[in-house]
Amino acid sequence: MYEFLPKAVRQGLEDARKSAMRQKDRLCVHDGDNVYRIRRLWDDGFALDPEGSDKLRGRVDIYDGPRHLYQCLVVNSVVEDGERVFEFKWLTAASDRPALDFVRPDFAPVALLGSS
């Protein structure tokens, strides 16, 4: 798209785009102790910087800052347009409370008042 521009200008534009993406996005992938910033996230995949993320496989966690959003199973990756694009087999929303083994009715009380 910017082939007609000099190489230094293209590199400057690319660096500015990366810097803007780092500042606005807090999404990241946690794989054990390794943390990778997410450039883009969509329904069946996400994209990372190509440097250092080539060994990412298996079950990983996706966070928005300190908040745990998803767990996913990474199965495939390819480098396209200067970013490593990952596909996942499944994506599950993380929950902050244990799963219920019964159906909770809509009219159930939130809390019980004790007698004094």
N, C-alpha and C. Protein backbone atom coordinates (compact mmCIF):
# COMPACT_ATOMS: atom_id res chain seq x y z
N MET A 1 0.82 -1.18 0.00
CA MET A 1 0.00 0.00 0.00
C MET A 1 0.87 1.25 0.00
N TYR A 2 1.98 1.22 0.73
CA TYR A 2 2.87 2.38 0.81
C TYR A 2 4.17 2.14 0.04
N GLU A 3 4.14 1.35 -1.01
CA GLU A 3 5.35 0.99 -1.75
C GLU A 3 6.02 2.19 -2.40
N PHE A 4 5.28 3.23 -2.69
CA PHE A 4 5.84 4.39 -3.37
C PHE A 4 6.61 5.30 -2.41
N LEU A 5 6.47 5.10 -1.09
CA LEU A 5 7.17 5.92 -0.11
C LEU A 5 8.59 5.41 0.11
N PRO A 6 9.50 6.27 0.51
CA PRO A 6 10.86 5.82 0.82
C PRO A 6 10.85 4.85 2.01
N LYS A 7 11.87 4.00 2.07
CA LYS A 7 11.94 2.97 3.09
C LYS A 7 11.92 3.56 4.50
N ALA A 8 12.61 4.66 4.73
CA ALA A 8 12.66 5.28 6.06
C ALA A 8 11.27 5.76 6.50
N VAL A 9 10.49 6.31 5.57
CA VAL A 9 9.14 6.78 5.89
C VAL A 9 8.24 5.59 6.20
N ARG A 10 8.33 4.53 5.40
CA ARG A 10 7.53 3.31 5.67
C ARG A 10 7.86 2.74 7.03
N GLN A 11 9.16 2.69 7.38
CA GLN A 11 9.57 2.15 8.68
C GLN A 11 9.04 3.03 9.81
N GLY A 12 9.07 4.35 9.62
CA GLY A 12 8.54 5.26 10.62
C GLY A 12 7.04 5.09 10.82
N LEU A 13 6.31 4.91 9.73
CA LEU A 13 4.87 4.66 9.83
C LEU A 13 4.58 3.34 10.54
N GLU A 14 5.34 2.32 10.24
CA GLU A 14 5.15 1.01 10.88
C GLU A 14 5.46 1.10 12.38
N ASP A 15 6.53 1.81 12.75
CA ASP A 15 6.87 1.97 14.16
C ASP A 15 5.79 2.76 14.90
N ALA A 16 5.25 3.79 14.27
CA ALA A 16 4.18 4.57 14.89
C ALA A 16 2.92 3.73 15.07
N ARG A 17 2.60 2.89 14.09
CA ARG A 17 1.42 2.02 14.20
C ARG A 17 1.59 1.03 15.34
N LYS A 18 2.78 0.43 15.47
CA LYS A 18 3.04 -0.52 16.56
C LYS A 18 2.95 0.17 17.91
N SER A 19 3.49 1.38 18.01
CA SER A 19 3.45 2.12 19.27
C SER A 19 2.02 2.46 19.67
N ALA A 20 1.21 2.89 18.71
CA ALA A 20 -0.19 3.21 18.99
C ALA A 20 -0.97 1.98 19.42
N MET A 21 -0.67 0.83 18.81
CA MET A 21 -1.37 -0.40 19.17
C MET A 21 -0.99 -0.84 20.58
N ARG A 22 0.27 -0.67 20.97
CA ARG A 22 0.72 -1.05 22.30
C ARG A 22 0.06 -0.19 23.37
N GLN A 23 -0.15 1.08 23.07
CA GLN A 23 -0.71 1.99 24.06
C GLN A 23 -2.21 1.79 24.24
N LYS A 24 -2.94 1.47 23.18
CA LYS A 24 -4.40 1.38 23.32
C LYS A 24 -4.88 -0.01 23.70
N ASP A 25 -4.15 -1.04 23.34
CA ASP A 25 -4.59 -2.39 23.63
C ASP A 25 -3.90 -2.94 24.85
N ARG A 26 -4.70 -3.52 25.72
CA ARG A 26 -4.14 -4.15 26.89
C ARG A 26 -4.29 -5.65 26.82
N LEU A 27 -4.83 -6.17 25.72
CA LEU A 27 -5.01 -7.61 25.59
C LEU A 27 -3.66 -8.30 25.47
N CYS A 28 -3.51 -9.42 26.18
CA CYS A 28 -2.27 -10.17 26.11
C CYS A 28 -2.56 -11.65 26.32
N VAL A 29 -1.63 -12.47 25.84
CA VAL A 29 -1.71 -13.92 25.97
C VAL A 29 -0.69 -14.35 27.00
N HIS A 30 -1.11 -15.16 27.97
CA HIS A 30 -0.21 -15.71 28.97
C HIS A 30 -0.02 -17.19 28.68
N ASP A 31 1.22 -17.59 28.52
CA ASP A 31 1.59 -18.98 28.32
C ASP A 31 2.62 -19.32 29.39
N GLY A 32 2.14 -19.80 30.53
CA GLY A 32 3.04 -20.03 31.65
C GLY A 32 3.56 -18.69 32.15
N ASP A 33 4.88 -18.52 32.17
CA ASP A 33 5.48 -17.25 32.59
C ASP A 33 5.67 -16.27 31.45
N ASN A 34 5.44 -16.69 30.22
CA ASN A 34 5.61 -15.82 29.05
C ASN A 34 4.34 -15.03 28.77
N VAL A 35 4.50 -13.75 28.45
CA VAL A 35 3.37 -12.87 28.15
C VAL A 35 3.61 -12.23 26.79
N TYR A 36 2.60 -12.28 25.91
CA TYR A 36 2.68 -11.72 24.56
C TYR A 36 1.52 -10.75 24.37
N ARG A 37 1.79 -9.56 23.83
CA ARG A 37 0.75 -8.58 23.53
C ARG A 37 -0.01 -9.00 22.28
N ILE A 38 -1.33 -8.86 22.32
CA ILE A 38 -2.19 -9.21 21.19
C ILE A 38 -2.39 -7.96 20.34
N ARG A 39 -2.10 -8.09 19.05
CA ARG A 39 -2.35 -6.98 18.11
C ARG A 39 -3.82 -6.92 17.72
N ARG A 40 -4.38 -8.09 17.34
CA ARG A 40 -5.78 -8.17 16.92
C ARG A 40 -6.37 -9.46 17.47
N LEU A 41 -7.67 -9.45 17.76
CA LEU A 41 -8.39 -10.62 18.24
C LEU A 41 -9.70 -10.71 17.49
N TRP A 42 -10.05 -11.89 16.98
CA TRP A 42 -11.32 -12.09 16.27
C TRP A 42 -11.89 -13.43 16.71
N ASP A 43 -12.99 -13.87 16.07
CA ASP A 43 -13.76 -15.03 16.52
C ASP A 43 -12.96 -16.32 16.59
N ASP A 44 -12.06 -16.56 15.64
CA ASP A 44 -11.35 -17.85 15.65
C ASP A 44 -9.84 -17.69 15.61
N GLY A 45 -9.33 -16.55 16.12
CA GLY A 45 -7.89 -16.38 16.15
C GLY A 45 -7.46 -15.04 16.70
N PHE A 46 -6.15 -14.85 16.72
CA PHE A 46 -5.56 -13.60 17.15
C PHE A 46 -4.21 -13.43 16.48
N ALA A 47 -3.66 -12.22 16.52
CA ALA A 47 -2.38 -11.92 15.90
C ALA A 47 -1.43 -11.30 16.93
N LEU A 48 -0.16 -11.71 16.86
CA LEU A 48 0.89 -11.21 17.74
C LEU A 48 2.05 -10.70 16.91
N ASP A 49 3.01 -10.05 17.57
CA ASP A 49 4.26 -9.71 16.90
C ASP A 49 4.96 -11.01 16.51
N PRO A 50 5.63 -11.04 15.36
CA PRO A 50 6.25 -12.30 14.92
C PRO A 50 7.49 -12.69 15.73
N GLU A 51 8.14 -11.74 16.38
CA GLU A 51 9.35 -12.03 17.12
C GLU A 51 9.04 -12.74 18.44
N GLY A 52 9.60 -13.92 18.64
CA GLY A 52 9.52 -14.61 19.91
C GLY A 52 8.25 -15.38 20.18
N SER A 53 7.27 -15.32 19.31
CA SER A 53 6.00 -15.99 19.59
C SER A 53 5.83 -17.27 18.77
N ASP A 54 6.90 -17.76 18.15
CA ASP A 54 6.77 -18.92 17.26
C ASP A 54 6.52 -20.23 17.99
N LYS A 55 6.85 -20.34 19.26
CA LYS A 55 6.68 -21.59 20.01
C LYS A 55 5.38 -21.64 20.80
N LEU A 56 4.48 -20.72 20.58
CA LEU A 56 3.22 -20.68 21.31
C LEU A 56 2.29 -21.77 20.79
N ARG A 57 1.95 -22.73 21.63
CA ARG A 57 1.06 -23.84 21.29
C ARG A 57 0.31 -24.29 22.54
N GLY A 58 -0.81 -24.94 22.33
CA GLY A 58 -1.54 -25.54 23.44
C GLY A 58 -2.51 -24.57 24.09
N ARG A 59 -2.84 -24.86 25.36
CA ARG A 59 -3.82 -24.05 26.08
C ARG A 59 -3.14 -22.79 26.62
N VAL A 60 -3.72 -21.64 26.30
CA VAL A 60 -3.21 -20.36 26.76
C VAL A 60 -4.36 -19.54 27.34
N ASP A 61 -4.03 -18.52 28.11
CA ASP A 61 -5.01 -17.63 28.72
C ASP A 61 -4.90 -16.25 28.09
N ILE A 62 -6.05 -15.61 27.87
CA ILE A 62 -6.11 -14.27 27.32
C ILE A 62 -6.60 -13.32 28.40
N TYR A 63 -5.85 -12.24 28.62
CA TYR A 63 -6.15 -11.27 29.66
C TYR A 63 -6.35 -9.89 29.05
N ASP A 64 -7.18 -9.08 29.70
CA ASP A 64 -7.31 -7.66 29.41
C ASP A 64 -6.77 -6.95 30.64
N GLY A 65 -5.49 -6.59 30.59
CA GLY A 65 -4.83 -6.05 31.77
C GLY A 65 -4.79 -7.14 32.84
N PRO A 66 -5.30 -6.88 34.04
CA PRO A 66 -5.29 -7.91 35.09
C PRO A 66 -6.51 -8.85 35.05
N ARG A 67 -7.48 -8.56 34.17
CA ARG A 67 -8.73 -9.33 34.15
C ARG A 67 -8.63 -10.52 33.19
N HIS A 68 -8.88 -11.72 33.70
CA HIS A 68 -8.83 -12.95 32.91
C HIS A 68 -10.10 -13.05 32.08
N LEU A 69 -9.95 -13.06 30.73
CA LEU A 69 -11.11 -13.09 29.85
C LEU A 69 -11.42 -14.48 29.32
N TYR A 70 -10.41 -15.15 28.72
CA TYR A 70 -10.65 -16.40 28.01
C TYR A 70 -9.53 -17.41 28.25
N GLN A 71 -9.88 -18.66 28.00
CA GLN A 71 -8.90 -19.72 27.82
C GLN A 71 -9.12 -20.25 26.41
N CYS A 72 -8.03 -20.56 25.70
CA CYS A 72 -8.18 -21.07 24.34
C CYS A 72 -7.11 -22.10 24.04
N LEU A 73 -7.36 -22.91 23.02
CA LEU A 73 -6.42 -23.93 22.57
C LEU A 73 -5.87 -23.50 21.23
N VAL A 74 -4.57 -23.13 21.20
CA VAL A 74 -3.91 -22.66 19.98
C VAL A 74 -3.45 -23.88 19.19
N VAL A 75 -3.82 -23.94 17.90
CA VAL A 75 -3.49 -25.12 17.09
C VAL A 75 -2.64 -24.81 15.87
N ASN A 76 -2.61 -23.57 15.39
CA ASN A 76 -1.93 -23.28 14.14
C ASN A 76 -1.46 -21.83 14.13
N SER A 77 -0.33 -21.56 13.45
CA SER A 77 0.12 -20.19 13.28
C SER A 77 0.83 -20.04 11.94
N VAL A 78 0.77 -18.82 11.41
CA VAL A 78 1.43 -18.49 10.15
C VAL A 78 1.80 -17.01 10.19
N VAL A 79 2.89 -16.63 9.55
CA VAL A 79 3.29 -15.23 9.49
C VAL A 79 2.68 -14.58 8.25
N GLU A 80 1.90 -13.51 8.46
CA GLU A 80 1.26 -12.77 7.38
C GLU A 80 1.37 -11.28 7.65
N ASP A 81 1.80 -10.51 6.68
CA ASP A 81 1.85 -9.05 6.75
C ASP A 81 2.54 -8.53 8.01
N GLY A 82 3.65 -9.13 8.38
CA GLY A 82 4.43 -8.64 9.51
C GLY A 82 3.89 -8.98 10.88
N GLU A 83 2.98 -9.94 10.97
CA GLU A 83 2.48 -10.39 12.27
C GLU A 83 2.23 -11.89 12.23
N ARG A 84 2.35 -12.55 13.38
CA ARG A 84 2.10 -13.99 13.45
C ARG A 84 0.63 -14.19 13.80
N VAL A 85 -0.10 -14.86 12.91
CA VAL A 85 -1.53 -15.08 13.05
C VAL A 85 -1.77 -16.48 13.60
N PHE A 86 -2.48 -16.57 14.72
CA PHE A 86 -2.77 -17.84 15.38
C PHE A 86 -4.25 -18.18 15.21
N GLU A 87 -4.53 -19.46 15.05
CA GLU A 87 -5.90 -19.96 15.05
C GLU A 87 -6.09 -20.80 16.29
N PHE A 88 -7.30 -20.78 16.86
CA PHE A 88 -7.54 -21.65 17.99
C PHE A 88 -8.72 -22.56 17.73
N LYS A 89 -8.66 -23.71 18.39
CA LYS A 89 -9.68 -24.74 18.21
C LYS A 89 -10.91 -24.41 19.04
N TRP A 90 -10.71 -23.94 20.25
CA TRP A 90 -11.83 -23.53 21.09
C TRP A 90 -11.46 -22.32 21.91
N LEU A 91 -12.48 -21.56 22.27
CA LEU A 91 -12.34 -20.36 23.08
C LEU A 91 -13.43 -20.39 24.13
N THR A 92 -13.04 -20.35 25.40
CA THR A 92 -13.99 -20.43 26.51
C THR A 92 -13.84 -19.21 27.39
N ALA A 93 -14.94 -18.58 27.70
CA ALA A 93 -14.91 -17.42 28.59
C ALA A 93 -14.55 -17.87 30.00
N ALA A 94 -13.66 -17.13 30.65
CA ALA A 94 -13.25 -17.44 32.02
C ALA A 94 -14.31 -16.92 32.97
N SER A 95 -14.54 -17.64 34.03
CA SER A 95 -15.53 -17.26 35.02
C SER A 95 -14.84 -16.98 36.35
N ASP A 96 -15.39 -16.04 37.10
CA ASP A 96 -14.79 -15.71 38.39
C ASP A 96 -15.46 -16.44 39.56
N ARG A 97 -16.41 -17.33 39.25
CA ARG A 97 -17.06 -18.14 40.29
C ARG A 97 -17.22 -19.56 39.79
N PRO A 98 -17.34 -20.51 40.70
CA PRO A 98 -17.46 -21.91 40.27
C PRO A 98 -18.76 -22.16 39.51
N ALA A 99 -18.74 -23.17 38.67
CA ALA A 99 -19.93 -23.53 37.91
C ALA A 99 -20.99 -24.11 38.84
N LEU A 100 -22.25 -23.79 38.53
CA LEU A 100 -23.36 -24.33 39.32
C LEU A 100 -23.79 -25.67 38.75
N ASP A 101 -24.19 -26.59 39.61
CA ASP A 101 -24.66 -27.88 39.14
C ASP A 101 -26.19 -27.96 39.21
N PHE A 102 -26.85 -26.80 39.25
CA PHE A 102 -28.30 -26.73 39.25
C PHE A 102 -28.72 -25.43 38.55
N VAL A 103 -29.98 -25.37 38.17
CA VAL A 103 -30.51 -24.17 37.52
C VAL A 103 -30.98 -23.21 38.59
N ARG A 104 -30.49 -22.00 38.53
CA ARG A 104 -30.89 -20.99 39.50
C ARG A 104 -32.10 -20.24 38.95
N PRO A 105 -33.22 -20.23 39.65
CA PRO A 105 -34.41 -19.53 39.15
C PRO A 105 -34.20 -18.01 39.11
N ASP A 106 -34.92 -17.35 38.22
CA ASP A 106 -34.79 -15.91 38.07
C ASP A 106 -35.27 -15.15 39.31
N PHE A 107 -36.21 -15.71 40.05
CA PHE A 107 -36.81 -15.02 41.20
C PHE A 107 -36.11 -15.39 42.52
N ALA A 108 -34.97 -16.05 42.49
CA ALA A 108 -34.26 -16.44 43.70
C ALA A 108 -33.75 -15.19 44.42
N PRO A 109 -33.79 -15.21 45.74
CA PRO A 109 -33.29 -14.04 46.48
C PRO A 109 -31.77 -13.91 46.36
N VAL A 110 -31.31 -12.69 46.40
CA VAL A 110 -29.88 -12.43 46.29
C VAL A 110 -29.22 -12.71 47.64
N ALA A 111 -29.90 -12.37 48.72
CA ALA A 111 -29.38 -12.58 50.07
C ALA A 111 -30.54 -12.85 51.01
N LEU A 112 -30.25 -13.42 52.14
CA LEU A 112 -31.26 -13.67 53.15
C LEU A 112 -31.05 -12.73 54.32
N LEU A 113 -32.16 -12.20 54.84
CA LEU A 113 -32.08 -11.34 56.01
C LEU A 113 -32.24 -12.20 57.25
N GLY A 114 -31.35 -12.03 58.15
CA GLY A 114 -31.42 -12.80 59.40
C GLY A 114 -32.36 -12.13 60.40
N SER A 115 -32.87 -12.91 61.34
CA SER A 115 -33.73 -12.33 62.38
C SER A 115 -32.86 -11.80 63.50
N SER A 116 -33.27 -10.67 64.07
CA SER A 116 -32.45 -10.09 65.13
C SER A 116 -33.07 -10.22 66.47
